[in-house]
Amino acid sequence: MDLSNILVISGKPDLSELVSQTKGGAVVMNLVTGQKYPVFKNDRISSLGEIRIFTDNDERPLEDVMQAIYKHLDGKATAFDPKKADGKVLADLLAVVLPDYDRDRVHTSDMKKLFAWYNILLAANKITLEEEKTE
């Protein structure tokens, strides 16, 4: 699973996928609506491939956390609406898939985004399990 071309754009409600780059920015496609629109260099854009989740000892790439959620939920969406869910429900699920997450630095708002992004990526068929590499 490669999340480097999946983008979070400040001021936009959903995730977007990079379609092409232009001289002044890029053209992206909303993963929920399928609508394409331009973004510009002055927009605040973050790639999901760069996002990490704090753990007690280090940081874990978002891709690893998404795969752990996918495995735990058997490839299904969350049974709750992440934006309206209680913080305890979110924390309990995150504790199952990432037991050593840093409870002081990972806030409820972060968990809401994480599980909302998971549902969006799942609906867009962007989550794939990577087989363990054995040598």
N, C-alpha and C. Protein backbone atom coordinates (compact mmCIF):
# COMPACT_ATOMS: atom_id res chain seq x y z
N MET A 1 0.85 -1.16 0.00
CA MET A 1 0.00 0.00 0.00
C MET A 1 0.90 1.23 0.00
N ASP A 2 0.66 2.11 -0.93
CA ASP A 2 1.45 3.34 -1.03
C ASP A 2 0.52 4.52 -0.83
N LEU A 3 0.72 5.25 0.25
CA LEU A 3 -0.13 6.40 0.55
C LEU A 3 0.53 7.73 0.17
N SER A 4 1.63 7.69 -0.55
CA SER A 4 2.36 8.91 -0.86
C SER A 4 1.60 9.83 -1.81
N ASN A 5 0.69 9.30 -2.62
CA ASN A 5 -0.07 10.16 -3.53
C ASN A 5 -1.48 10.46 -3.02
N ILE A 6 -1.77 10.07 -1.77
CA ILE A 6 -3.03 10.41 -1.12
C ILE A 6 -2.77 11.63 -0.25
N LEU A 7 -3.57 12.67 -0.44
CA LEU A 7 -3.28 13.96 0.17
C LEU A 7 -4.39 14.43 1.10
N VAL A 8 -3.97 15.15 2.14
CA VAL A 8 -4.88 15.89 3.01
C VAL A 8 -4.66 17.35 2.68
N ILE A 9 -5.73 18.04 2.31
CA ILE A 9 -5.62 19.44 1.92
C ILE A 9 -6.41 20.28 2.92
N SER A 10 -5.73 21.22 3.55
CA SER A 10 -6.36 22.06 4.55
C SER A 10 -7.56 22.78 3.94
N GLY A 11 -8.68 22.71 4.63
CA GLY A 11 -9.90 23.36 4.17
C GLY A 11 -10.79 22.47 3.32
N LYS A 12 -10.31 21.28 2.98
CA LYS A 12 -11.10 20.32 2.20
C LYS A 12 -11.51 19.17 3.13
N PRO A 13 -12.75 18.71 3.07
CA PRO A 13 -13.23 17.75 4.05
C PRO A 13 -12.74 16.31 3.87
N ASP A 14 -12.39 15.91 2.68
CA ASP A 14 -12.06 14.51 2.42
C ASP A 14 -10.60 14.38 1.99
N LEU A 15 -10.21 13.15 1.72
CA LEU A 15 -8.89 12.88 1.17
C LEU A 15 -8.93 13.04 -0.35
N SER A 16 -7.79 13.36 -0.92
CA SER A 16 -7.68 13.52 -2.37
C SER A 16 -6.50 12.72 -2.87
N GLU A 17 -6.56 12.35 -4.14
CA GLU A 17 -5.47 11.63 -4.77
C GLU A 17 -4.84 12.52 -5.83
N LEU A 18 -3.53 12.54 -5.87
CA LEU A 18 -2.81 13.32 -6.86
C LEU A 18 -3.04 12.73 -8.24
N VAL A 19 -3.53 13.56 -9.18
CA VAL A 19 -3.76 13.12 -10.55
C VAL A 19 -2.58 13.54 -11.42
N SER A 20 -2.22 14.82 -11.33
CA SER A 20 -1.06 15.31 -12.09
C SER A 20 -0.55 16.60 -11.46
N GLN A 21 0.70 16.90 -11.77
CA GLN A 21 1.28 18.13 -11.27
C GLN A 21 1.26 19.17 -12.38
N THR A 22 1.09 20.42 -11.97
CA THR A 22 1.10 21.53 -12.92
C THR A 22 2.20 22.50 -12.49
N LYS A 23 2.40 23.51 -13.31
CA LYS A 23 3.45 24.49 -13.01
C LYS A 23 3.18 25.21 -11.69
N GLY A 24 1.95 25.53 -11.41
CA GLY A 24 1.62 26.28 -10.20
C GLY A 24 1.05 25.45 -9.07
N GLY A 25 1.00 24.13 -9.22
CA GLY A 25 0.42 23.29 -8.16
C GLY A 25 0.17 21.89 -8.66
N ALA A 26 -1.09 21.45 -8.54
CA ALA A 26 -1.42 20.09 -8.93
C ALA A 26 -2.92 19.97 -9.20
N VAL A 27 -3.29 18.88 -9.86
CA VAL A 27 -4.69 18.52 -10.04
C VAL A 27 -4.91 17.28 -9.18
N VAL A 28 -5.95 17.33 -8.35
CA VAL A 28 -6.24 16.22 -7.46
C VAL A 28 -7.68 15.76 -7.66
N MET A 29 -7.96 14.54 -7.22
CA MET A 29 -9.31 14.00 -7.30
C MET A 29 -9.77 13.64 -5.90
N ASN A 30 -10.94 14.13 -5.53
CA ASN A 30 -11.54 13.81 -4.24
C ASN A 30 -11.89 12.33 -4.23
N LEU A 31 -11.44 11.58 -3.22
CA LEU A 31 -11.66 10.14 -3.17
C LEU A 31 -13.12 9.77 -2.87
N VAL A 32 -13.89 10.69 -2.31
CA VAL A 32 -15.28 10.40 -1.98
C VAL A 32 -16.20 10.74 -3.15
N THR A 33 -16.03 11.92 -3.74
CA THR A 33 -16.93 12.38 -4.80
C THR A 33 -16.41 12.07 -6.20
N GLY A 34 -15.09 11.87 -6.34
CA GLY A 34 -14.51 11.65 -7.66
C GLY A 34 -14.29 12.93 -8.44
N GLN A 35 -14.60 14.07 -7.83
CA GLN A 35 -14.46 15.37 -8.49
C GLN A 35 -12.99 15.78 -8.54
N LYS A 36 -12.55 16.27 -9.71
CA LYS A 36 -11.18 16.77 -9.86
C LYS A 36 -11.18 18.28 -9.70
N TYR A 37 -10.11 18.79 -9.08
CA TYR A 37 -9.99 20.23 -8.90
C TYR A 37 -8.51 20.59 -8.72
N PRO A 38 -8.16 21.84 -8.98
CA PRO A 38 -6.75 22.24 -8.83
C PRO A 38 -6.44 22.64 -7.39
N VAL A 39 -5.20 22.41 -7.00
CA VAL A 39 -4.67 22.95 -5.75
C VAL A 39 -3.40 23.69 -6.11
N PHE A 40 -3.04 24.63 -5.28
CA PHE A 40 -1.93 25.50 -5.60
C PHE A 40 -0.83 25.40 -4.55
N LYS A 41 0.33 25.91 -4.89
CA LYS A 41 1.50 25.79 -4.02
C LYS A 41 1.28 26.42 -2.65
N ASN A 42 0.41 27.43 -2.57
CA ASN A 42 0.18 28.07 -1.28
C ASN A 42 -0.85 27.34 -0.42
N ASP A 43 -1.50 26.28 -0.95
CA ASP A 43 -2.40 25.47 -0.14
C ASP A 43 -1.57 24.60 0.80
N ARG A 44 -2.12 24.35 1.99
CA ARG A 44 -1.43 23.47 2.94
C ARG A 44 -1.80 22.03 2.60
N ILE A 45 -0.83 21.30 2.07
CA ILE A 45 -1.05 19.93 1.60
C ILE A 45 -0.09 19.00 2.33
N SER A 46 -0.63 17.87 2.80
CA SER A 46 0.19 16.84 3.45
C SER A 46 -0.09 15.51 2.79
N SER A 47 0.94 14.72 2.60
CA SER A 47 0.81 13.38 2.06
C SER A 47 0.60 12.40 3.20
N LEU A 48 -0.33 11.45 3.05
CA LEU A 48 -0.53 10.45 4.10
C LEU A 48 0.71 9.59 4.29
N GLY A 49 1.53 9.47 3.24
CA GLY A 49 2.76 8.70 3.35
C GLY A 49 3.77 9.30 4.30
N GLU A 50 3.62 10.58 4.63
CA GLU A 50 4.54 11.27 5.53
C GLU A 50 4.05 11.30 6.97
N ILE A 51 2.81 10.92 7.19
CA ILE A 51 2.21 11.02 8.52
C ILE A 51 2.59 9.82 9.37
N ARG A 52 2.92 10.08 10.62
CA ARG A 52 3.31 9.04 11.57
C ARG A 52 2.42 9.14 12.81
N ILE A 53 2.26 8.00 13.50
CA ILE A 53 1.52 7.96 14.75
C ILE A 53 2.53 7.77 15.88
N PHE A 54 2.44 8.60 16.90
CA PHE A 54 3.36 8.51 18.03
C PHE A 54 3.12 7.22 18.81
N THR A 55 4.21 6.54 19.16
CA THR A 55 4.15 5.39 20.07
C THR A 55 5.01 5.71 21.28
N ASP A 56 5.00 4.82 22.26
CA ASP A 56 5.78 5.08 23.47
C ASP A 56 7.27 5.18 23.19
N ASN A 57 7.77 4.44 22.21
CA ASN A 57 9.21 4.42 21.94
C ASN A 57 9.61 5.17 20.69
N ASP A 58 8.73 5.27 19.71
CA ASP A 58 9.10 5.80 18.40
C ASP A 58 7.86 6.34 17.71
N GLU A 59 7.85 6.27 16.41
CA GLU A 59 6.69 6.64 15.59
C GLU A 59 6.43 5.52 14.60
N ARG A 60 5.17 5.29 14.26
CA ARG A 60 4.81 4.25 13.29
C ARG A 60 4.22 4.92 12.06
N PRO A 61 4.62 4.48 10.86
CA PRO A 61 4.03 5.04 9.64
C PRO A 61 2.53 4.78 9.59
N LEU A 62 1.79 5.72 9.03
CA LEU A 62 0.34 5.59 8.92
C LEU A 62 -0.05 4.34 8.14
N GLU A 63 0.75 3.96 7.14
CA GLU A 63 0.47 2.76 6.35
C GLU A 63 0.40 1.52 7.23
N ASP A 64 1.34 1.40 8.17
CA ASP A 64 1.35 0.25 9.07
C ASP A 64 0.10 0.22 9.95
N VAL A 65 -0.30 1.38 10.44
CA VAL A 65 -1.48 1.47 11.29
C VAL A 65 -2.74 1.13 10.49
N MET A 66 -2.83 1.62 9.26
CA MET A 66 -3.99 1.33 8.41
C MET A 66 -4.09 -0.18 8.14
N GLN A 67 -2.96 -0.82 7.90
CA GLN A 67 -2.97 -2.26 7.65
C GLN A 67 -3.39 -3.03 8.90
N ALA A 68 -2.96 -2.57 10.07
CA ALA A 68 -3.35 -3.21 11.32
C ALA A 68 -4.85 -3.07 11.56
N ILE A 69 -5.41 -1.90 11.25
CA ILE A 69 -6.86 -1.71 11.38
C ILE A 69 -7.58 -2.62 10.40
N TYR A 70 -7.10 -2.69 9.17
CA TYR A 70 -7.70 -3.53 8.14
C TYR A 70 -7.73 -5.00 8.57
N LYS A 71 -6.61 -5.47 9.12
CA LYS A 71 -6.54 -6.86 9.59
C LYS A 71 -7.50 -7.09 10.74
N HIS A 72 -7.53 -6.16 11.69
CA HIS A 72 -8.38 -6.33 12.87
C HIS A 72 -9.87 -6.32 12.50
N LEU A 73 -10.25 -5.48 11.56
CA LEU A 73 -11.66 -5.36 11.17
C LEU A 73 -12.02 -6.29 10.01
N ASP A 74 -11.12 -7.18 9.64
CA ASP A 74 -11.34 -8.14 8.54
C ASP A 74 -11.73 -7.45 7.24
N GLY A 75 -11.10 -6.32 6.96
CA GLY A 75 -11.33 -5.62 5.70
C GLY A 75 -12.67 -4.89 5.63
N LYS A 76 -13.29 -4.65 6.77
CA LYS A 76 -14.59 -3.96 6.80
C LYS A 76 -14.41 -2.55 7.36
N ALA A 77 -15.39 -1.71 7.11
CA ALA A 77 -15.38 -0.36 7.65
C ALA A 77 -15.66 -0.40 9.15
N THR A 78 -15.36 0.69 9.82
CA THR A 78 -15.66 0.75 11.25
C THR A 78 -17.17 0.67 11.45
N ALA A 79 -17.57 0.12 12.60
CA ALA A 79 -18.99 -0.05 12.89
C ALA A 79 -19.62 1.25 13.41
N PHE A 80 -18.84 2.29 13.49
CA PHE A 80 -19.31 3.57 14.02
C PHE A 80 -18.87 4.70 13.10
N ASP A 81 -19.51 5.85 13.24
CA ASP A 81 -19.10 7.04 12.51
C ASP A 81 -17.96 7.69 13.30
N PRO A 82 -16.74 7.66 12.76
CA PRO A 82 -15.59 8.19 13.51
C PRO A 82 -15.75 9.64 13.94
N LYS A 83 -16.45 10.45 13.17
CA LYS A 83 -16.58 11.87 13.51
C LYS A 83 -17.50 12.09 14.70
N LYS A 84 -18.41 11.14 14.97
CA LYS A 84 -19.36 11.30 16.06
C LYS A 84 -19.10 10.34 17.21
N ALA A 85 -18.10 9.48 17.06
CA ALA A 85 -17.83 8.44 18.06
C ALA A 85 -17.27 9.03 19.35
N ASP A 86 -17.53 8.32 20.43
CA ASP A 86 -17.02 8.67 21.74
C ASP A 86 -15.50 8.43 21.76
N GLY A 87 -14.78 9.27 22.45
CA GLY A 87 -13.33 9.15 22.53
C GLY A 87 -12.87 7.81 23.10
N LYS A 88 -13.64 7.25 24.03
CA LYS A 88 -13.26 5.97 24.62
C LYS A 88 -13.35 4.85 23.60
N VAL A 89 -14.36 4.87 22.74
CA VAL A 89 -14.50 3.85 21.70
C VAL A 89 -13.31 3.91 20.75
N LEU A 90 -12.93 5.13 20.36
CA LEU A 90 -11.80 5.31 19.46
C LEU A 90 -10.50 4.85 20.12
N ALA A 91 -10.29 5.24 21.37
CA ALA A 91 -9.07 4.87 22.08
C ALA A 91 -8.98 3.36 22.28
N ASP A 92 -10.11 2.73 22.57
CA ASP A 92 -10.11 1.27 22.76
C ASP A 92 -9.73 0.55 21.48
N LEU A 93 -10.27 0.98 20.35
CA LEU A 93 -9.94 0.35 19.07
C LEU A 93 -8.48 0.59 18.71
N LEU A 94 -8.00 1.81 18.90
CA LEU A 94 -6.61 2.10 18.59
C LEU A 94 -5.67 1.29 19.50
N ALA A 95 -6.06 1.09 20.75
CA ALA A 95 -5.24 0.30 21.68
C ALA A 95 -5.14 -1.16 21.23
N VAL A 96 -6.17 -1.65 20.56
CA VAL A 96 -6.13 -3.03 20.06
C VAL A 96 -5.19 -3.14 18.87
N VAL A 97 -5.27 -2.19 17.93
CA VAL A 97 -4.47 -2.29 16.71
C VAL A 97 -3.05 -1.73 16.87
N LEU A 98 -2.87 -0.84 17.83
CA LEU A 98 -1.55 -0.24 18.09
C LEU A 98 -1.40 -0.09 19.61
N PRO A 99 -1.11 -1.20 20.30
CA PRO A 99 -1.12 -1.19 21.77
C PRO A 99 -0.17 -0.18 22.41
N ASP A 100 0.92 0.16 21.75
CA ASP A 100 1.89 1.06 22.36
C ASP A 100 1.76 2.51 21.89
N TYR A 101 0.56 2.89 21.38
CA TYR A 101 0.43 4.29 20.94
C TYR A 101 0.57 5.21 22.16
N ASP A 102 1.11 6.38 21.93
CA ASP A 102 1.37 7.34 23.01
C ASP A 102 0.06 8.02 23.40
N ARG A 103 -0.46 7.66 24.55
CA ARG A 103 -1.76 8.16 24.99
C ARG A 103 -1.74 9.65 25.34
N ASP A 104 -0.55 10.21 25.55
CA ASP A 104 -0.44 11.64 25.85
C ASP A 104 -0.39 12.51 24.59
N ARG A 105 0.18 11.98 23.53
CA ARG A 105 0.37 12.79 22.32
C ARG A 105 -0.61 12.48 21.19
N VAL A 106 -1.32 11.36 21.25
CA VAL A 106 -2.33 11.04 20.24
C VAL A 106 -3.69 11.41 20.85
N HIS A 107 -4.28 12.46 20.31
CA HIS A 107 -5.52 13.02 20.86
C HIS A 107 -6.75 12.40 20.19
N THR A 108 -7.90 12.62 20.79
CA THR A 108 -9.16 12.12 20.23
C THR A 108 -9.38 12.64 18.82
N SER A 109 -9.04 13.90 18.57
CA SER A 109 -9.21 14.46 17.22
C SER A 109 -8.34 13.73 16.21
N ASP A 110 -7.15 13.30 16.62
CA ASP A 110 -6.27 12.53 15.74
C ASP A 110 -6.89 11.17 15.42
N MET A 111 -7.48 10.54 16.43
CA MET A 111 -8.11 9.23 16.23
C MET A 111 -9.32 9.34 15.31
N LYS A 112 -10.09 10.43 15.47
CA LYS A 112 -11.25 10.62 14.59
C LYS A 112 -10.80 10.73 13.14
N LYS A 113 -9.74 11.49 12.89
CA LYS A 113 -9.20 11.60 11.53
C LYS A 113 -8.70 10.26 11.03
N LEU A 114 -7.96 9.54 11.88
CA LEU A 114 -7.39 8.25 11.50
C LEU A 114 -8.47 7.29 11.02
N PHE A 115 -9.53 7.12 11.82
CA PHE A 115 -10.57 6.16 11.46
C PHE A 115 -11.45 6.67 10.32
N ALA A 116 -11.64 7.97 10.21
CA ALA A 116 -12.37 8.53 9.07
C ALA A 116 -11.57 8.30 7.79
N TRP A 117 -10.26 8.53 7.84
CA TRP A 117 -9.40 8.29 6.68
C TRP A 117 -9.41 6.81 6.32
N TYR A 118 -9.38 5.94 7.32
CA TYR A 118 -9.43 4.50 7.05
C TYR A 118 -10.69 4.16 6.25
N ASN A 119 -11.84 4.66 6.69
CA ASN A 119 -13.10 4.37 5.98
C ASN A 119 -13.08 4.90 4.55
N ILE A 120 -12.52 6.09 4.35
CA ILE A 120 -12.44 6.67 3.01
C ILE A 120 -11.53 5.83 2.12
N LEU A 121 -10.35 5.48 2.63
CA LEU A 121 -9.41 4.67 1.86
C LEU A 121 -9.98 3.29 1.54
N LEU A 122 -10.70 2.72 2.49
CA LEU A 122 -11.31 1.40 2.27
C LEU A 122 -12.37 1.49 1.18
N ALA A 123 -13.21 2.50 1.22
CA ALA A 123 -14.26 2.67 0.21
C ALA A 123 -13.66 2.91 -1.18
N ALA A 124 -12.49 3.54 -1.23
CA ALA A 124 -11.83 3.83 -2.51
C ALA A 124 -10.89 2.71 -2.95
N ASN A 125 -10.90 1.59 -2.24
CA ASN A 125 -10.03 0.44 -2.55
C ASN A 125 -8.55 0.81 -2.57
N LYS A 126 -8.13 1.63 -1.63
CA LYS A 126 -6.73 2.06 -1.55
C LYS A 126 -5.94 1.31 -0.49
N ILE A 127 -6.62 0.46 0.30
CA ILE A 127 -5.92 -0.29 1.34
C ILE A 127 -5.68 -1.70 0.84
N THR A 128 -4.42 -2.09 0.82
CA THR A 128 -4.05 -3.44 0.45
C THR A 128 -3.11 -3.98 1.51
N LEU A 129 -3.19 -5.26 1.76
CA LEU A 129 -2.28 -5.87 2.72
C LEU A 129 -0.98 -6.22 2.03
N GLU A 130 0.11 -5.84 2.63
CA GLU A 130 1.41 -6.21 2.10
C GLU A 130 1.85 -7.46 2.81
N GLU A 131 2.27 -8.44 2.05
CA GLU A 131 2.72 -9.68 2.64
C GLU A 131 4.03 -9.44 3.39
N GLU A 132 4.20 -10.17 4.47
CA GLU A 132 5.46 -10.08 5.23
C GLU A 132 6.60 -10.55 4.34
N LYS A 133 7.68 -9.79 4.35
CA LYS A 133 8.83 -10.17 3.52
C LYS A 133 9.70 -11.15 4.30
N THR A 134 9.90 -12.32 3.74
CA THR A 134 10.74 -13.31 4.40
C THR A 134 11.97 -13.56 3.54
N GLU A 135 13.08 -13.78 4.21
CA GLU A 135 14.31 -14.01 3.48
C GLU A 135 14.81 -15.41 3.74
